[in-house]
PDB file of N, CA and C in Angstrom:
ATOM      1  N   MET A   1      -4.357   4.883 -25.441  1.00  0.00           N
ATOM      2  CA  MET A   1      -4.738   3.752 -26.220  1.00  0.00           C
ATOM      3  C   MET A   1      -4.125   2.040 -26.637  1.00  0.00           C
ATOM      4  N   THR A   2      -4.338   0.865 -26.055  1.00  0.00           N
ATOM      5  CA  THR A   2      -3.453  -0.088 -26.439  1.00  0.00           C
ATOM      6  C   THR A   2      -3.575  -0.527 -27.785  1.00  0.00           C
ATOM      7  N   LEU A   3      -2.515  -1.436 -28.120  1.00  0.00           N
ATOM      8  CA  LEU A   3      -2.388  -1.954 -29.274  1.00  0.00           C
ATOM      9  C   LEU A   3      -3.340  -2.732 -29.915  1.00  0.00           C
ATOM     10  N   TYR A   4      -4.116  -3.482 -28.779  1.00  0.00           N
ATOM     11  CA  TYR A   4      -5.116  -4.437 -29.388  1.00  0.00           C
ATOM     12  C   TYR A   4      -6.593  -3.155 -29.236  1.00  0.00           C
ATOM     13  N   GLU A   5      -6.861  -2.343 -28.404  1.00  0.00           N
ATOM     14  CA  GLU A   5      -7.849  -1.391 -28.789  1.00  0.00           C
ATOM     15  C   GLU A   5      -7.650  -0.828 -30.075  1.00  0.00           C
ATOM     16  N   ARG A   6      -6.721   0.142 -30.328  1.00  0.00           N
ATOM     17  CA  ARG A   6      -6.266   0.201 -31.880  1.00  0.00           C
ATOM     18  C   ARG A   6      -6.382  -0.564 -32.702  1.00  0.00           C
ATOM     19  N   ILE A   7      -6.474  -2.130 -33.099  1.00  0.00           N
ATOM     20  CA  ILE A   7      -6.573  -2.664 -33.654  1.00  0.00           C
ATOM     21  C   ILE A   7      -8.265  -2.936 -33.511  1.00  0.00           C
ATOM     22  N   ALA A   8      -8.655  -3.000 -32.715  1.00  0.00           N
ATOM     23  CA  ALA A   8     -10.093  -3.259 -32.588  1.00  0.00           C
ATOM     24  C   ALA A   8     -11.017  -1.940 -33.347  1.00  0.00           C
ATOM     25  N   ALA A   9     -10.467  -1.020 -33.092  1.00  0.00           N
ATOM     26  CA  ALA A   9     -11.334   0.472 -33.620  1.00  0.00           C
ATOM     27  C   ALA A   9     -11.153   0.292 -35.107  1.00  0.00           C
ATOM     28  N   ILE A  10     -10.027   0.212 -35.553  1.00  0.00           N
ATOM     29  CA  ILE A  10     -10.022  -0.130 -37.015  1.00  0.00           C
ATOM     30  C   ILE A  10     -10.938  -1.414 -37.511  1.00  0.00           C
ATOM     31  N   GLN A  11     -10.770  -2.482 -36.866  1.00  0.00           N
ATOM     32  CA  GLN A  11     -12.027  -3.425 -37.164  1.00  0.00           C
ATOM     33  C   GLN A  11     -13.262  -2.967 -36.888  1.00  0.00           C
ATOM     34  N   GLY A  12     -13.707  -2.003 -36.308  1.00  0.00           N
ATOM     35  CA  GLY A  12     -15.167  -1.358 -36.155  1.00  0.00           C
ATOM     36  C   GLY A  12     -15.443  -0.476 -37.455  1.00  0.00           C
ATOM     37  N   GLU A  13     -14.271   0.292 -37.709  1.00  0.00           N
ATOM     38  CA  GLU A  13     -15.158   0.871 -38.621  1.00  0.00           C
ATOM     39  C   GLU A  13     -14.899   0.174 -39.864  1.00  0.00           C
ATOM     40  N   LEU A  14     -14.086  -0.662 -40.252  1.00  0.00           N
ATOM     41  CA  LEU A  14     -13.849  -1.698 -41.460  1.00  0.00           C
ATOM     42  C   LEU A  14     -15.474  -2.484 -41.259  1.00  0.00           C
ATOM     43  N   ALA A  15     -16.229  -2.566 -40.347  1.00  0.00           N
ATOM     44  CA  ALA A  15     -17.020  -3.734 -40.115  1.00  0.00           C
ATOM     45  C   ALA A  15     -18.027  -2.603 -40.326  1.00  0.00           C
ATOM     46  N   ASN A  16     -18.652  -1.958 -40.283  1.00  0.00           N
ATOM     47  CA  ASN A  16     -19.577  -0.938 -40.268  1.00  0.00           C
ATOM     48  C   ASN A  16     -20.192  -0.675 -41.949  1.00  0.00           C
ATOM     49  N   GLY A  17     -19.943  -1.052 -43.027  1.00  0.00           N
ATOM     50  CA  GLY A  17     -20.411  -1.078 -43.806  1.00  0.00           C
ATOM     51  C   GLY A  17     -19.826   0.484 -44.651  1.00  0.00           C
ATOM     52  N   GLY A  18     -19.370   0.944 -43.783  1.00  0.00           N
ATOM     53  CA  GLY A  18     -18.962   2.346 -44.516  1.00  0.00           C
ATOM     54  C   GLY A  18     -17.550   2.869 -45.508  1.00  0.00           C
ATOM     55  N   LEU A  19     -17.283   1.320 -46.039  1.00  0.00           N
ATOM     56  CA  LEU A  19     -15.771   1.707 -46.598  1.00  0.00           C
ATOM     57  C   LEU A  19     -15.557   2.584 -47.974  1.00  0.00           C
ATOM     58  N   THR A  20     -14.552   3.331 -47.822  1.00  0.00           N
ATOM     59  CA  THR A  20     -14.471   4.216 -48.831  1.00  0.00           C
ATOM     60  C   THR A  20     -13.363   4.227 -48.954  1.00  0.00           C
ATOM     61  N   PRO A  21     -12.716   3.932 -50.535  1.00  0.00           N
ATOM     62  CA  PRO A  21     -11.151   3.930 -50.500  1.00  0.00           C
ATOM     63  C   PRO A  21     -10.420   4.718 -49.870  1.00  0.00           C
ATOM     64  N   ASP A  22     -10.934   6.246 -49.386  1.00  0.00           N
ATOM     65  CA  ASP A  22      -9.596   6.953 -48.643  1.00  0.00           C
ATOM     66  C   ASP A  22      -9.335   6.056 -47.038  1.00  0.00           C
ATOM     67  N   LEU A  23     -10.610   5.226 -46.971  1.00  0.00           N
ATOM     68  CA  LEU A  23     -10.656   4.999 -45.418  1.00  0.00           C
ATOM     69  C   LEU A  23      -9.707   3.412 -45.750  1.00  0.00           C
ATOM     70  N   ALA A  24     -10.062   2.989 -46.600  1.00  0.00           N
ATOM     71  CA  ALA A  24      -9.690   1.843 -46.890  1.00  0.00           C
ATOM     72  C   ALA A  24      -7.946   1.558 -47.059  1.00  0.00           C
ATOM     73  N   ARG A  25      -7.235   2.859 -47.987  1.00  0.00           N
ATOM     74  CA  ARG A  25      -5.522   3.438 -47.689  1.00  0.00           C
ATOM     75  C   ARG A  25      -5.495   3.656 -46.209  1.00  0.00           C
ATOM     76  N   GLU A  26      -6.072   4.329 -45.708  1.00  0.00           N
ATOM     77  CA  GLU A  26      -5.703   5.007 -44.335  1.00  0.00           C
ATOM     78  C   GLU A  26      -5.655   4.020 -43.158  1.00  0.00           C
ATOM     79  N   SER A  27      -6.554   2.767 -43.268  1.00  0.00           N
ATOM     80  CA  SER A  27      -6.705   1.458 -42.928  1.00  0.00           C
ATOM     81  C   SER A  27      -5.500   0.721 -43.193  1.00  0.00           C
ATOM     82  N   LEU A  28      -5.250   0.442 -44.235  1.00  0.00           N
ATOM     83  CA  LEU A  28      -3.870  -0.507 -44.706  1.00  0.00           C
ATOM     84  C   LEU A  28      -2.660   0.270 -44.166  1.00  0.00           C
ATOM     85  N   VAL A  29      -2.579   1.578 -44.110  1.00  0.00           N
ATOM     86  CA  VAL A  29      -1.172   1.857 -43.536  1.00  0.00           C
ATOM     87  C   VAL A  29      -1.101   1.605 -42.014  1.00  0.00           C
ATOM     88  N   LYS A  30      -2.309   1.906 -41.697  1.00  0.00           N
ATOM     89  CA  LYS A  30      -2.257   2.253 -40.182  1.00  0.00           C
ATOM     90  C   LYS A  30      -1.839   0.798 -39.736  1.00  0.00           C
ATOM     91  N   LEU A  31      -2.772  -0.864 -40.431  1.00  0.00           N
ATOM     92  CA  LEU A  31      -2.712  -1.829 -40.164  1.00  0.00           C
ATOM     93  C   LEU A  31      -1.375  -2.014 -40.381  1.00  0.00           C
ATOM     94  N   THR A  32      -0.702  -1.944 -41.097  1.00  0.00           N
ATOM     95  CA  THR A  32       0.712  -2.294 -41.758  1.00  0.00           C
ATOM     96  C   THR A  32       1.672  -1.941 -40.860  1.00  0.00           C
ATOM     97  N   ALA A  33       1.560  -0.638 -40.160  1.00  0.00           N
ATOM     98  CA  ALA A  33       2.444   0.261 -39.420  1.00  0.00           C
ATOM     99  C   ALA A  33       2.167  -0.800 -37.998  1.00  0.00           C
ATOM    100  N   LEU A  34       0.926  -1.107 -37.734  1.00  0.00           N
ATOM    101  CA  LEU A  34       0.499  -2.073 -36.328  1.00  0.00           C
ATOM    102  C   LEU A  34       1.822  -3.596 -36.542  1.00  0.00           C
ATOM    103  N   LEU A  35       1.329  -3.825 -37.661  1.00  0.00           N
ATOM    104  CA  LEU A  35       1.758  -5.682 -37.771  1.00  0.00           C
ATOM    105  C   LEU A  35       3.010  -5.905 -37.529  1.00  0.00           C
ATOM    106  N   GLY A  36       4.108  -4.708 -37.068  1.00  0.00           N
ATOM    107  CA  GLY A  36       5.748  -4.776 -36.268  1.00  0.00           C
ATOM    108  C   GLY A  36       5.199  -4.800 -34.722  1.00  0.00           C
ATOM    109  N   ASN A  37       4.579  -4.249 -34.621  1.00  0.00           N
ATOM    110  CA  ASN A  37       4.072  -4.056 -32.836  1.00  0.00           C
ATOM    111  C   ASN A  37       3.525  -5.504 -32.580  1.00  0.00           C
ATOM    112  N   VAL A  38       2.774  -5.829 -33.452  1.00  0.00           N
ATOM    113  CA  VAL A  38       1.855  -6.976 -32.898  1.00  0.00           C
ATOM    114  C   VAL A  38       2.522  -8.428 -32.894  1.00  0.00           C
ATOM    115  N   ASN A  39       3.684  -8.261 -34.274  1.00  0.00           N
ATOM    116  CA  ASN A  39       4.715  -9.310 -34.029  1.00  0.00           C
ATOM    117  C   ASN A  39       5.692  -9.465 -32.821  1.00  0.00           C
ATOM    118  N   ALA A  40       5.900  -7.726 -32.350  1.00  0.00           N
ATOM    119  CA  ALA A  40       6.763  -8.236 -31.254  1.00  0.00           C
ATOM    120  C   ALA A  40       6.114  -8.711 -30.033  1.00  0.00           C
ATOM    121  N   VAL A  41       4.793  -8.287 -29.940  1.00  0.00           N
ATOM    122  CA  VAL A  41       4.350  -8.711 -28.460  1.00  0.00           C
ATOM    123  C   VAL A  41       4.083 -10.433 -28.793  1.00  0.00           C
ATOM    124  N   VAL A  42       3.945 -10.714 -29.921  1.00  0.00           N
ATOM    125  CA  VAL A  42       3.984 -12.458 -30.171  1.00  0.00           C
ATOM    126  C   VAL A  42       5.082 -12.712 -29.503  1.00  0.00           C
ATOM    127  N   ARG A  43       5.945 -12.356 -30.017  1.00  0.00           N
ATOM    128  CA  ARG A  43       7.606 -12.897 -29.710  1.00  0.00           C
ATOM    129  C   ARG A  43       7.568 -13.199 -27.977  1.00  0.00           C
ATOM    130  N   GLN A  44       7.168 -11.842 -27.602  1.00  0.00           N
ATOM    131  CA  GLN A  44       7.304 -11.607 -26.151  1.00  0.00           C
ATOM    132  C   GLN A  44       6.627 -12.564 -25.561  1.00  0.00           C
ATOM    133  N   THR A  45       5.161 -12.265 -25.378  1.00  0.00           N
ATOM    134  CA  THR A  45       4.280 -13.276 -24.857  1.00  0.00           C
ATOM    135  C   THR A  45       4.708 -15.257 -25.107  1.00  0.00           C
ATOM    136  N   ASP A  46       4.874 -15.269 -26.389  1.00  0.00           N
ATOM    137  CA  ASP A  46       5.290 -16.710 -26.497  1.00  0.00           C
ATOM    138  C   ASP A  46       6.536 -16.940 -25.822  1.00  0.00           C
ATOM    139  N   HIS A  47       7.555 -16.335 -25.553  1.00  0.00           N
ATOM    140  CA  HIS A  47       8.438 -16.292 -24.883  1.00  0.00           C
ATOM    141  C   HIS A  47       7.997 -16.773 -23.547  1.00  0.00           C
ATOM    142  N   ASP A  48       7.332 -15.756 -22.826  1.00  0.00           N
ATOM    143  CA  ASP A  48       7.020 -15.912 -21.396  1.00  0.00           C
ATOM    144  C   ASP A  48       6.149 -17.611 -21.358  1.00  0.00           C
ATOM    145  N   TYR A  49       5.142 -17.582 -22.136  1.00  0.00           N
ATOM    146  CA  TYR A  49       4.521 -18.932 -22.247  1.00  0.00           C
ATOM    147  C   TYR A  49       5.405 -20.409 -21.998  1.00  0.00           C
ATOM    148  N   LYS A  50       6.669 -20.154 -22.587  1.00  0.00           N
ATOM    149  CA  LYS A  50       7.395 -21.083 -22.808  1.00  0.00           C
ATOM    150  C   LYS A  50       8.270 -21.355 -21.958  1.00  0.00           C
ATOM    151  N   LEU A  51       8.404 -20.169 -21.003  1.00  0.00           N
ATOM    152  CA  LEU A  51       9.197 -19.952 -20.088  1.00  0.00           C
ATOM    153  C   LEU A  51       8.622 -20.850 -18.636  1.00  0.00           C
ATOM    154  N   VAL A  52       7.091 -20.716 -18.803  1.00  0.00           N
ATOM    155  CA  VAL A  52       5.706 -21.314 -17.995  1.00  0.00           C
ATOM    156  C   VAL A  52       5.871 -22.930 -18.333  1.00  0.00           C
ATOM    157  N   LEU A  53       6.267 -23.830 -19.786  1.00  0.00           N
ATOM    158  CA  LEU A  53       5.984 -24.764 -19.864  1.00  0.00           C
ATOM    159  C   LEU A  53       7.266 -25.609 -19.500  1.00  0.00           C
ATOM    160  N   LEU A  54       7.968 -24.695 -19.528  1.00  0.00           N
ATOM    161  CA  LEU A  54       9.998 -25.050 -19.375  1.00  0.00           C
ATOM    162  C   LEU A  54       9.116 -25.603 -17.837  1.00  0.00           C
ATOM    163  N   GLY A  55       9.209 -24.698 -16.884  1.00  0.00           N
ATOM    164  CA  GLY A  55       9.123 -25.069 -15.602  1.00  0.00           C
ATOM    165  C   GLY A  55       7.711 -25.917 -15.053  1.00  0.00           C
ATOM    166  N   CYS A  56       6.599 -25.863 -15.804  1.00  0.00           N
ATOM    167  CA  CYS A  56       5.841 -27.185 -15.559  1.00  0.00           C
ATOM    168  C   CYS A  56       6.292 -28.521 -15.688  1.00  0.00           C
ATOM    169  N   MET A  57       6.950 -28.854 -16.857  1.00  0.00           N
ATOM    170  CA  MET A  57       7.779 -29.747 -17.512  1.00  0.00           C
ATOM    171  C   MET A  57       9.194 -30.365 -16.159  1.00  0.00           C
ATOM    172  N   LYS A  58       9.846 -29.136 -15.882  1.00  0.00           N
ATOM    173  CA  LYS A  58      10.487 -29.205 -14.998  1.00  0.00           C
ATOM    174  C   LYS A  58      10.070 -29.619 -13.305  1.00  0.00           C
ATOM    175  N   GLY A  59       9.099 -30.165 -13.775  1.00  0.00           N
ATOM    176  CA  GLY A  59       8.081 -30.607 -12.431  1.00  0.00           C
ATOM    177  C   GLY A  59       7.702 -31.910 -12.319  1.00  0.00           C
ATOM    178  N   ASN A  60       8.712 -32.466 -13.064  1.00  0.00           N
ATOM    179  CA  ASN A  60       8.443 -33.911 -13.623  1.00  0.00           C
ATOM    180  C   ASN A  60       7.560 -34.590 -13.681  1.00  0.00           C
ATOM    181  N   ILE A  61       6.343 -33.958 -14.092  1.00  0.00           N
ATOM    182  CA  ILE A  61       5.311 -34.447 -14.524  1.00  0.00           C
ATOM    183  C   ILE A  61       5.091 -35.244 -16.107  1.00  0.00           C
ATOM    184  N   ALA A  62       4.513 -35.683 -16.830  1.00  0.00           N
ATOM    185  CA  ALA A  62       4.544 -36.036 -18.105  1.00  0.00           C
ATOM    186  C   ALA A  62       4.078 -35.164 -18.788  1.00  0.00           C
ATOM    187  N   ALA A  63       4.738 -34.501 -20.294  1.00  0.00           N
ATOM    188  CA  ALA A  63       4.817 -33.491 -21.007  1.00  0.00           C
ATOM    189  C   ALA A  63       3.024 -33.422 -21.343  1.00  0.00           C
ATOM    190  N   ASN A  64       2.644 -34.352 -21.431  1.00  0.00           N
ATOM    191  CA  ASN A  64       1.284 -33.736 -22.237  1.00  0.00           C
ATOM    192  C   ASN A  64       0.923 -32.796 -21.074  1.00  0.00           C
ATOM    193  N   ARG A  65       0.844 -33.388 -19.821  1.00  0.00           N
ATOM    194  CA  ARG A  65       0.019 -32.897 -18.871  1.00  0.00           C
ATOM    195  C   ARG A  65       0.752 -31.816 -18.174  1.00  0.00           C
ATOM    196  N   ALA A  66       2.138 -31.264 -18.850  1.00  0.00           N
ATOM    197  CA  ALA A  66       3.208 -30.383 -18.207  1.00  0.00           C
ATOM    198  C   ALA A  66       2.045 -29.132 -19.372  1.00  0.00           C
ATOM    199  N   LYS A  67       1.695 -29.680 -20.328  1.00  0.00           N
ATOM    200  CA  LYS A  67       1.229 -28.795 -21.435  1.00  0.00           C
ATOM    201  C   LYS A  67      -0.094 -28.661 -21.529  1.00  0.00           C
ATOM    202  N   ILE A  68      -0.698 -29.302 -21.053  1.00  0.00           N
ATOM    203  CA  ILE A  68      -1.893 -29.220 -20.134  1.00  0.00           C
ATOM    204  C   ILE A  68      -1.961 -27.670 -18.850  1.00  0.00           C
ATOM    205  N   GLU A  69      -1.386 -27.769 -18.001  1.00  0.00           N
ATOM    206  CA  GLU A  69      -1.330 -27.113 -16.895  1.00  0.00           C
ATOM    207  C   GLU A  69      -0.668 -25.766 -17.708  1.00  0.00           C
ATOM    208  N   ALA A  70       0.217 -25.752 -18.277  1.00  0.00           N
ATOM    209  CA  ALA A  70       0.948 -24.718 -18.636  1.00  0.00           C
ATOM    210  C   ALA A  70      -0.004 -23.805 -19.910  1.00  0.00           C
ATOM    211  N   GLU A  71      -1.170 -24.231 -19.879  1.00  0.00           N
ATOM    212  CA  GLU A  71      -1.955 -23.843 -20.863  1.00  0.00           C
ATOM    213  C   GLU A  71      -3.288 -23.208 -20.154  1.00  0.00           C
ATOM    214  N   THR A  72      -3.162 -23.573 -18.755  1.00  0.00           N
ATOM    215  CA  THR A  72      -4.232 -22.879 -17.898  1.00  0.00           C
ATOM    216  C   THR A  72      -3.530 -21.699 -17.323  1.00  0.00           C
ATOM    217  N   THR A  73      -2.776 -20.585 -17.773  1.00  0.00           N
ATOM    218  CA  THR A  73      -2.094 -19.698 -17.166  1.00  0.00           C
ATOM    219  C   THR A  73      -2.264 -18.858 -18.080  1.00  0.00           C
ATOM    220  N   LYS A  74      -2.320 -17.529 -17.238  1.00  0.00           N
ATOM    221  CA  LYS A  74      -2.365 -15.820 -17.788  1.00  0.00           C
ATOM    222  C   LYS A  74      -1.187 -16.018 -19.154  1.00  0.00           C
ATOM    223  N   GLN A  75      -0.047 -16.621 -18.495  1.00  0.00           N
ATOM    224  CA  GLN A  75       0.915 -16.234 -19.727  1.00  0.00           C
ATOM    225  C   GLN A  75       0.176 -16.819 -21.229  1.00  0.00           C
ATOM    226  N   TYR A  76       0.311 -18.276 -21.245  1.00  0.00           N
ATOM    227  CA  TYR A  76      -0.764 -18.965 -22.561  1.00  0.00           C
ATOM    228  C   TYR A  76      -2.199 -18.129 -23.080  1.00  0.00           C
ATOM    229  N   GLN A  77      -2.526 -17.513 -22.044  1.00  0.00           N
ATOM    230  CA  GLN A  77      -3.632 -16.641 -22.675  1.00  0.00           C
ATOM    231  C   GLN A  77      -3.435 -15.864 -23.431  1.00  0.00           C
ATOM    232  N   ALA A  78      -2.494 -14.913 -23.156  1.00  0.00           N
ATOM    233  CA  ALA A  78      -1.757 -13.683 -23.923  1.00  0.00           C
ATOM    234  C   ALA A  78      -1.003 -14.215 -25.032  1.00  0.00           C
ATOM    235  N   ALA A  79      -0.330 -15.179 -24.838  1.00  0.00           N
ATOM    236  CA  ALA A  79       0.206 -15.512 -26.162  1.00  0.00           C
ATOM    237  C   ALA A  79      -0.724 -16.099 -27.591  1.00  0.00           C
ATOM    238  N   ARG A  80      -1.854 -16.725 -26.907  1.00  0.00           N
ATOM    239  CA  ARG A  80      -3.039 -16.830 -27.737  1.00  0.00           C
ATOM    240  C   ARG A  80      -4.000 -15.273 -28.151  1.00  0.00           C
ATOM    241  N   GLU A  81      -4.002 -14.911 -27.203  1.00  0.00           N
ATOM    242  CA  GLU A  81      -4.936 -13.377 -27.934  1.00  0.00           C
ATOM    243  C   GLU A  81      -3.672 -12.771 -28.528  1.00  0.00           C
ATOM    244  N   ALA A  82      -2.169 -12.627 -28.301  1.00  0.00           N
ATOM    245  CA  ALA A  82      -1.413 -12.005 -29.338  1.00  0.00           C
ATOM    246  C   ALA A  82      -1.161 -12.452 -30.578  1.00  0.00           C
ATOM    247  N   SER A  83      -0.641 -14.150 -30.523  1.00  0.00           N
ATOM    248  CA  SER A  83      -1.181 -15.033 -31.770  1.00  0.00           C
ATOM    249  C   SER A  83      -2.406 -14.317 -33.203  1.00  0.00           C
ATOM    250  N   ASP A  84      -3.816 -14.903 -32.177  1.00  0.00           N
ATOM    251  CA  ASP A  84      -5.147 -14.378 -32.888  1.00  0.00           C
ATOM    252  C   ASP A  84      -5.097 -12.919 -33.566  1.00  0.00           C
ATOM    253  N   THR A  85      -4.317 -12.011 -32.460  1.00  0.00           N
ATOM    254  CA  THR A  85      -4.199 -10.673 -33.047  1.00  0.00           C
ATOM    255  C   THR A  85      -3.451 -10.417 -34.577  1.00  0.00           C
ATOM    256  N   ALA A  86      -2.477 -10.775 -34.282  1.00  0.00           N
ATOM    257  CA  ALA A  86      -1.576 -11.107 -35.511  1.00  0.00           C
ATOM    258  C   ALA A  86      -2.232 -11.672 -36.778  1.00  0.00           C
ATOM    259  N   GLU A  87      -2.539 -12.758 -35.808  1.00  0.00           N
ATOM    260  CA  GLU A  87      -3.801 -13.258 -37.506  1.00  0.00           C
ATOM    261  C   GLU A  87      -4.916 -12.709 -38.241  1.00  0.00           C
ATOM    262  N   LEU A  88      -5.583 -11.733 -37.256  1.00  0.00           N
ATOM    263  CA  LEU A  88      -6.401 -10.897 -37.617  1.00  0.00           C
ATOM    264  C   LEU A  88      -6.042  -9.696 -38.433  1.00  0.00           C
ATOM    265  N   VAL A  89      -4.893  -9.246 -38.012  1.00  0.00           N
ATOM    266  CA  VAL A  89      -4.626  -7.842 -38.632  1.00  0.00           C
ATOM    267  C   VAL A  89      -3.953  -8.713 -40.328  1.00  0.00           C
ATOM    268  N   LEU A  90      -3.298  -9.721 -40.039  1.00  0.00           N
ATOM    269  CA  LEU A  90      -2.776 -10.158 -41.285  1.00  0.00           C
ATOM    270  C   LEU A  90      -4.055 -10.509 -42.227  1.00  0.00           C
ATOM    271  N   GLU A  91      -5.199 -10.911 -42.135  1.00  0.00           N
ATOM    272  CA  GLU A  91      -6.260 -10.812 -42.465  1.00  0.00           C
ATOM    273  C   GLU A  91      -7.031  -9.525 -43.307  1.00  0.00           C
ATOM    274  N   MET A  92      -7.187  -8.653 -42.292  1.00  0.00           N
ATOM    275  CA  MET A  92      -7.538  -7.361 -42.466  1.00  0.00           C
ATOM    276  C   MET A  92      -6.792  -6.691 -43.375  1.00  0.00           C
ATOM    277  N   ILE A  93      -5.336  -6.845 -43.489  1.00  0.00           N
ATOM    278  CA  ILE A  93      -4.345  -6.541 -44.513  1.00  0.00           C
ATOM    279  C   ILE A  93      -5.011  -6.996 -45.740  1.00  0.00           C
ATOM    280  N   ARG A  94      -4.797  -8.114 -45.838  1.00  0.00           N
ATOM    281  CA  ARG A  94      -5.294  -9.194 -46.883  1.00  0.00           C
ATOM    282  C   ARG A  94      -6.481  -8.789 -47.890  1.00  0.00           C
ATOM    283  N   SER A  95      -7.608  -8.113 -46.962  1.00  0.00           N
ATOM    284  CA  SER A  95      -8.734  -8.097 -47.515  1.00  0.00           C
ATOM    285  C   SER A  95      -8.717  -6.170 -47.933  1.00  0.00           C
ATOM    286  N   LEU A  96      -7.978  -5.373 -47.225  1.00  0.00           N
ATOM    287  CA  LEU A  96      -8.333  -4.053 -47.871  1.00  0.00           C
ATOM    288  C   LEU A  96      -7.045  -4.318 -49.306  1.00  0.00           C
ATOM    289  N   LYS A  97      -6.143  -5.204 -49.163  1.00  0.00           N
ATOM    290  CA  LYS A  97      -5.437  -4.920 -50.259  1.00  0.00           C
ATOM    291  C   LYS A  97      -6.313  -5.698 -51.525  1.00  0.00           C
ATOM    292  N   LYS A  98      -6.999  -6.706 -51.416  1.00  0.00           N
ATOM    293  CA  LYS A  98      -7.912  -6.911 -52.448  1.00  0.00           C
ATOM    294  C   LYS A  98      -9.006  -5.909 -53.108  1.00  0.00           C
ATOM    295  N   TYR A  99      -9.488  -5.382 -51.714  1.00  0.00           N
ATOM    296  CA  TYR A  99     -10.377  -4.291 -51.979  1.00  0.00           C
ATOM    297  C   TYR A  99     -10.058  -2.973 -52.576  1.00  0.00           C
ATOM    298  N   MET A 100      -8.634  -2.808 -52.641  1.00  0.00           N
ATOM    299  CA  MET A 100      -7.728  -2.017 -53.585  1.00  0.00           C
ATOM    300  C   MET A 100      -7.409  -1.994 -54.812  1.00  0.00           C
ATOM    301  N   GLU A 101      -7.224  -3.544 -54.579  1.00  0.00           N
ATOM    302  CA  GLU A 101      -7.034  -4.038 -56.231  1.00  0.00           C
ATOM    303  C   GLU A 101      -8.494  -4.168 -57.217  1.00  0.00           C
ATOM    304  N   SER A 102      -9.764  -4.607 -56.216  1.00  0.00           N
ATOM    305  CA  SER A 102     -10.979  -4.572 -57.041  1.00  0.00           C
ATOM    306  C   SER A 102     -11.331  -3.310 -57.244  1.00  0.00           C
ATOM    307  N   LEU A 103     -10.762  -1.989 -56.604  1.00  0.00           N
ATOM    308  CA  LEU A 103     -11.359  -0.653 -57.080  1.00  0.00           C
ATOM    309  C   LEU A 103     -10.251  -0.464 -58.084  1.00  0.00           C
ATOM    310  N   SER A 104      -8.878  -0.703 -58.286  1.00  0.00           N
ATOM    311  CA  SER A 104      -8.177  -0.083 -59.294  1.00  0.00           C
ATOM    312  C   SER A 104      -8.887  -0.950 -60.578  1.00  0.00           C
ATOM    313  N   ASN A 105      -8.956  -2.306 -60.396  1.00  0.00           N
ATOM    314  CA  ASN A 105     -10.061  -2.864 -61.679  1.00  0.00           C
ATOM    315  C   ASN A 105     -10.626  -2.586 -62.250  1.00  0.00           C
ATOM    316  N   GLU A 106     -11.815  -2.049 -61.163  1.00  0.00           N
ATOM    317  CA  GLU A 106     -13.163  -1.335 -61.717  1.00  0.00           C
ATOM    318  C   GLU A 106     -12.917  -0.453 -62.733  1.00  0.00           C
ATOM    319  N   LEU A 107     -11.805   0.998 -62.177  1.00  0.00           N
ATOM    320  CA  LEU A 107     -11.856   1.895 -62.805  1.00  0.00           C
ATOM    321  C   LEU A 107     -11.124   1.914 -63.904  1.00  0.00           C
ATOM    322  N   ARG A 108     -10.245   0.539 -63.968  1.00  0.00           N
ATOM    323  CA  ARG A 108     -10.048   0.271 -65.294  1.00  0.00           C
ATOM    324  C   ARG A 108     -10.381   0.416 -66.398  1.00  0.00           C
ATOM    325  N   LEU A 109     -11.327  -0.412 -65.987  1.00  0.00           N
ATOM    326  CA  LEU A 109     -12.880  -1.073 -66.868  1.00  0.00           C
ATOM    327  C   LEU A 109     -13.758  -0.040 -67.439  1.00  0.00           C
ATOM    328  N   THR A 110     -13.950   0.840 -66.564  1.00  0.00           N
ATOM    329  CA  THR A 110     -14.445   2.056 -66.432  1.00  0.00           C
ATOM    330  C   THR A 110     -14.258   3.326 -67.994  1.00  0.00           C
ATOM    331  N   ARG A 111     -12.416   2.706 -67.743  1.00  0.00           N
ATOM    332  CA  ARG A 111     -12.344   3.878 -69.047  1.00  0.00           C
ATOM    333  C   ARG A 111     -12.241   3.664 -70.330  1.00  0.00           C
TER     334      ARG A 111
END
């Protein structure tokens, strides 16, 4: 299972509406652990894209045209996907933390 598939599976579990405290804790731990892997992919894909952009700029075309040309490559698409995935993971982590915090507050108030 790829990194993206693992994250999508967790997202699917969270989106199905049956979020329990145990599932929230488990998902939070998994996503936090995967965040380092996602950041490594972001770094690598961004580097790959920058090499393509540099190659386009060395073609002696205007910088804005070089950027547009570089943004049509697979490297740019991979970099965007990685960046978007990192943002998704961070938002899921934040949401799960808020959920856990609200459960904790609810439990505290019922005592």
